[in-house]
N, C-alpha and C. Protein backbone atom coordinates (compact mmCIF):
# COMPACT_ATOMS: atom_id res chain seq x y z
N MET A 1 10.04 -6.16 22.74
CA MET A 1 9.83 -4.82 23.25
C MET A 1 10.35 -3.80 22.25
N ASP A 2 9.59 -2.74 22.13
CA ASP A 2 9.94 -1.71 21.16
C ASP A 2 10.57 -0.53 21.88
N ALA A 3 11.77 -0.17 21.47
CA ALA A 3 12.49 0.92 22.14
C ALA A 3 12.00 2.29 21.71
N SER A 4 11.30 2.38 20.59
CA SER A 4 10.84 3.68 20.12
C SER A 4 9.43 3.97 20.63
N VAL A 5 9.24 3.83 21.93
CA VAL A 5 7.95 4.09 22.55
C VAL A 5 7.78 5.60 22.67
N LYS A 6 6.61 6.08 22.30
CA LYS A 6 6.34 7.51 22.33
C LYS A 6 6.07 7.98 23.76
N PRO A 7 6.64 9.11 24.15
CA PRO A 7 6.43 9.63 25.51
C PRO A 7 4.97 9.88 25.84
N ASP A 8 4.16 10.26 24.84
CA ASP A 8 2.73 10.49 25.09
C ASP A 8 2.05 9.23 25.60
N LYS A 9 2.39 8.10 25.00
CA LYS A 9 1.80 6.82 25.42
C LYS A 9 2.29 6.45 26.82
N LEU A 10 3.56 6.76 27.11
CA LEU A 10 4.11 6.42 28.41
C LEU A 10 3.49 7.26 29.52
N ARG A 11 3.14 8.50 29.22
CA ARG A 11 2.55 9.38 30.23
C ARG A 11 1.15 8.90 30.63
N GLU A 12 0.51 8.11 29.79
CA GLU A 12 -0.82 7.59 30.10
C GLU A 12 -0.76 6.44 31.10
N LEU A 13 0.42 5.84 31.30
CA LEU A 13 0.56 4.70 32.18
C LEU A 13 0.54 5.14 33.65
N THR A 14 0.13 4.22 34.51
CA THR A 14 0.16 4.49 35.94
C THR A 14 1.59 4.33 36.44
N SER A 15 1.82 4.75 37.68
CA SER A 15 3.16 4.63 38.26
C SER A 15 3.60 3.18 38.35
N GLU A 16 2.66 2.28 38.69
CA GLU A 16 2.99 0.86 38.80
C GLU A 16 3.35 0.28 37.43
N GLU A 17 2.61 0.68 36.42
CA GLU A 17 2.90 0.19 35.06
C GLU A 17 4.26 0.71 34.58
N LEU A 18 4.57 1.96 34.92
CA LEU A 18 5.88 2.52 34.56
C LEU A 18 7.00 1.74 35.24
N ALA A 19 6.80 1.42 36.52
CA ALA A 19 7.81 0.66 37.25
C ALA A 19 8.02 -0.72 36.61
N GLY A 20 6.94 -1.33 36.16
CA GLY A 20 7.03 -2.62 35.48
C GLY A 20 7.79 -2.52 34.17
N LYS A 21 7.50 -1.46 33.41
CA LYS A 21 8.20 -1.25 32.13
C LYS A 21 9.69 -1.02 32.37
N ILE A 22 10.02 -0.23 33.40
CA ILE A 22 11.43 0.03 33.71
C ILE A 22 12.13 -1.28 34.02
N LYS A 23 11.48 -2.12 34.80
CA LYS A 23 12.07 -3.41 35.15
C LYS A 23 12.28 -4.28 33.91
N GLU A 24 11.29 -4.29 33.01
CA GLU A 24 11.40 -5.07 31.77
C GLU A 24 12.60 -4.61 30.94
N TYR A 25 12.72 -3.29 30.77
CA TYR A 25 13.80 -2.77 29.94
C TYR A 25 15.16 -2.96 30.59
N LYS A 26 15.23 -2.89 31.92
CA LYS A 26 16.51 -3.13 32.59
C LYS A 26 16.92 -4.59 32.42
N THR A 27 15.95 -5.49 32.45
CA THR A 27 16.24 -6.91 32.22
C THR A 27 16.73 -7.11 30.79
N GLU A 28 16.08 -6.45 29.84
CA GLU A 28 16.52 -6.56 28.45
C GLU A 28 17.92 -6.00 28.29
N LEU A 29 18.21 -4.88 28.93
CA LEU A 29 19.54 -4.28 28.83
C LEU A 29 20.60 -5.22 29.39
N PHE A 30 20.29 -5.86 30.52
CA PHE A 30 21.22 -6.83 31.09
C PHE A 30 21.50 -7.96 30.09
N ASN A 31 20.44 -8.48 29.49
CA ASN A 31 20.60 -9.57 28.53
C ASN A 31 21.41 -9.13 27.30
N LEU A 32 21.14 -7.91 26.83
CA LEU A 32 21.88 -7.40 25.67
C LEU A 32 23.37 -7.24 26.00
N ARG A 33 23.66 -6.74 27.18
CA ARG A 33 25.07 -6.58 27.57
C ARG A 33 25.76 -7.93 27.69
N PHE A 34 25.04 -8.89 28.21
CA PHE A 34 25.60 -10.23 28.33
C PHE A 34 25.87 -10.83 26.95
N GLN A 35 24.90 -10.70 26.04
CA GLN A 35 25.08 -11.20 24.68
C GLN A 35 26.25 -10.50 24.00
N ASN A 36 26.41 -9.20 24.25
CA ASN A 36 27.50 -8.45 23.65
C ASN A 36 28.85 -8.95 24.17
N ALA A 37 28.91 -9.22 25.47
CA ALA A 37 30.16 -9.70 26.07
C ALA A 37 30.55 -11.07 25.52
N VAL A 38 29.56 -11.90 25.27
CA VAL A 38 29.81 -13.25 24.76
C VAL A 38 30.09 -13.23 23.26
N GLY A 39 29.63 -12.17 22.59
CA GLY A 39 29.87 -12.04 21.16
C GLY A 39 28.71 -12.50 20.30
N HIS A 40 27.52 -12.65 20.88
CA HIS A 40 26.36 -13.13 20.13
C HIS A 40 25.43 -12.01 19.69
N LEU A 41 25.71 -10.79 20.10
CA LEU A 41 24.81 -9.68 19.77
C LEU A 41 25.12 -9.17 18.38
N LYS A 42 24.08 -9.16 17.52
CA LYS A 42 24.27 -8.69 16.15
C LYS A 42 23.93 -7.19 16.00
N ASN A 43 22.95 -6.73 16.76
CA ASN A 43 22.53 -5.33 16.67
C ASN A 43 22.97 -4.58 17.93
N VAL A 44 24.20 -4.08 17.92
CA VAL A 44 24.78 -3.42 19.09
C VAL A 44 24.06 -2.11 19.39
N SER A 45 23.48 -1.48 18.41
CA SER A 45 22.80 -0.21 18.63
C SER A 45 21.54 -0.38 19.48
N ARG A 46 21.06 -1.59 19.61
CA ARG A 46 19.88 -1.85 20.45
C ARG A 46 20.17 -1.49 21.91
N ILE A 47 21.42 -1.67 22.34
CA ILE A 47 21.80 -1.32 23.72
C ILE A 47 21.54 0.17 23.95
N ARG A 48 21.94 0.99 23.01
CA ARG A 48 21.74 2.44 23.13
C ARG A 48 20.26 2.79 23.15
N GLU A 49 19.47 2.14 22.29
CA GLU A 49 18.03 2.40 22.24
C GLU A 49 17.37 2.07 23.58
N VAL A 50 17.74 0.94 24.14
CA VAL A 50 17.14 0.51 25.41
C VAL A 50 17.56 1.45 26.54
N ARG A 51 18.83 1.87 26.55
CA ARG A 51 19.29 2.82 27.58
C ARG A 51 18.49 4.12 27.51
N LYS A 52 18.27 4.61 26.31
CA LYS A 52 17.52 5.86 26.15
C LYS A 52 16.06 5.68 26.57
N THR A 53 15.50 4.51 26.28
CA THR A 53 14.12 4.25 26.68
C THR A 53 14.00 4.20 28.20
N ILE A 54 14.98 3.59 28.86
CA ILE A 54 14.98 3.54 30.33
C ILE A 54 15.06 4.97 30.88
N ALA A 55 15.91 5.79 30.31
CA ALA A 55 16.03 7.19 30.75
C ALA A 55 14.71 7.92 30.55
N ARG A 56 14.05 7.68 29.43
CA ARG A 56 12.77 8.30 29.14
C ARG A 56 11.73 7.88 30.19
N LEU A 57 11.70 6.59 30.50
CA LEU A 57 10.76 6.07 31.49
C LEU A 57 11.03 6.66 32.88
N LEU A 58 12.30 6.74 33.25
CA LEU A 58 12.65 7.30 34.56
C LEU A 58 12.28 8.78 34.65
N THR A 59 12.44 9.50 33.57
CA THR A 59 12.08 10.92 33.54
C THR A 59 10.58 11.09 33.73
N ILE A 60 9.80 10.30 33.02
CA ILE A 60 8.35 10.39 33.12
C ILE A 60 7.89 9.96 34.52
N ALA A 61 8.51 8.94 35.08
CA ALA A 61 8.18 8.51 36.45
C ALA A 61 8.47 9.62 37.44
N SER A 62 9.58 10.31 37.25
CA SER A 62 9.95 11.42 38.12
C SER A 62 8.94 12.56 37.99
N GLU A 63 8.54 12.87 36.76
CA GLU A 63 7.54 13.91 36.53
C GLU A 63 6.24 13.57 37.25
N LYS A 64 5.83 12.31 37.15
CA LYS A 64 4.60 11.88 37.82
C LYS A 64 4.71 12.02 39.33
N ALA A 65 5.86 11.67 39.88
CA ALA A 65 6.06 11.76 41.32
C ALA A 65 5.96 13.21 41.78
N VAL A 66 6.56 14.12 41.04
CA VAL A 66 6.52 15.54 41.39
C VAL A 66 5.09 16.06 41.30
N THR A 67 4.38 15.67 40.26
CA THR A 67 3.00 16.11 40.07
C THR A 67 2.11 15.59 41.20
N GLU A 68 2.29 14.32 41.57
CA GLU A 68 1.50 13.75 42.66
C GLU A 68 1.82 14.44 43.99
N LYS A 69 3.08 14.75 44.21
CA LYS A 69 3.48 15.41 45.45
C LYS A 69 2.86 16.81 45.53
N GLU A 70 2.89 17.53 44.40
CA GLU A 70 2.30 18.87 44.37
C GLU A 70 0.79 18.81 44.60
N ALA A 71 0.15 17.79 44.04
CA ALA A 71 -1.29 17.64 44.21
C ALA A 71 -1.63 17.36 45.67
N ASN A 72 -0.80 16.56 46.33
CA ASN A 72 -1.02 16.26 47.75
C ASN A 72 -0.79 17.48 48.62
N ASN A 73 0.19 18.31 48.27
CA ASN A 73 0.48 19.52 49.03
C ASN A 73 -0.61 20.57 48.85
N ALA A 74 -1.25 20.57 47.69
CA ALA A 74 -2.29 21.55 47.41
C ALA A 74 -3.57 21.26 48.20
N GLU A 75 -3.74 20.02 48.60
CA GLU A 75 -4.96 19.65 49.33
C GLU A 75 -4.88 20.04 50.72
């Protein structure tokens, strides 16, 4: 998984796809933290990259939810 995913590409995803990506990255973050605790992690900065990617995904998911809610209210 690539942590430097562009927000433009993420905005093209559906809500379900975003939820799947969030789950994938949270699983990766868990594994990275576990490797770090055991002492097997060589690239510690990857934890920060994955955390930021999760935040980016959650922000875009929130934006989509607000947009969908506004669209439903407008109808």
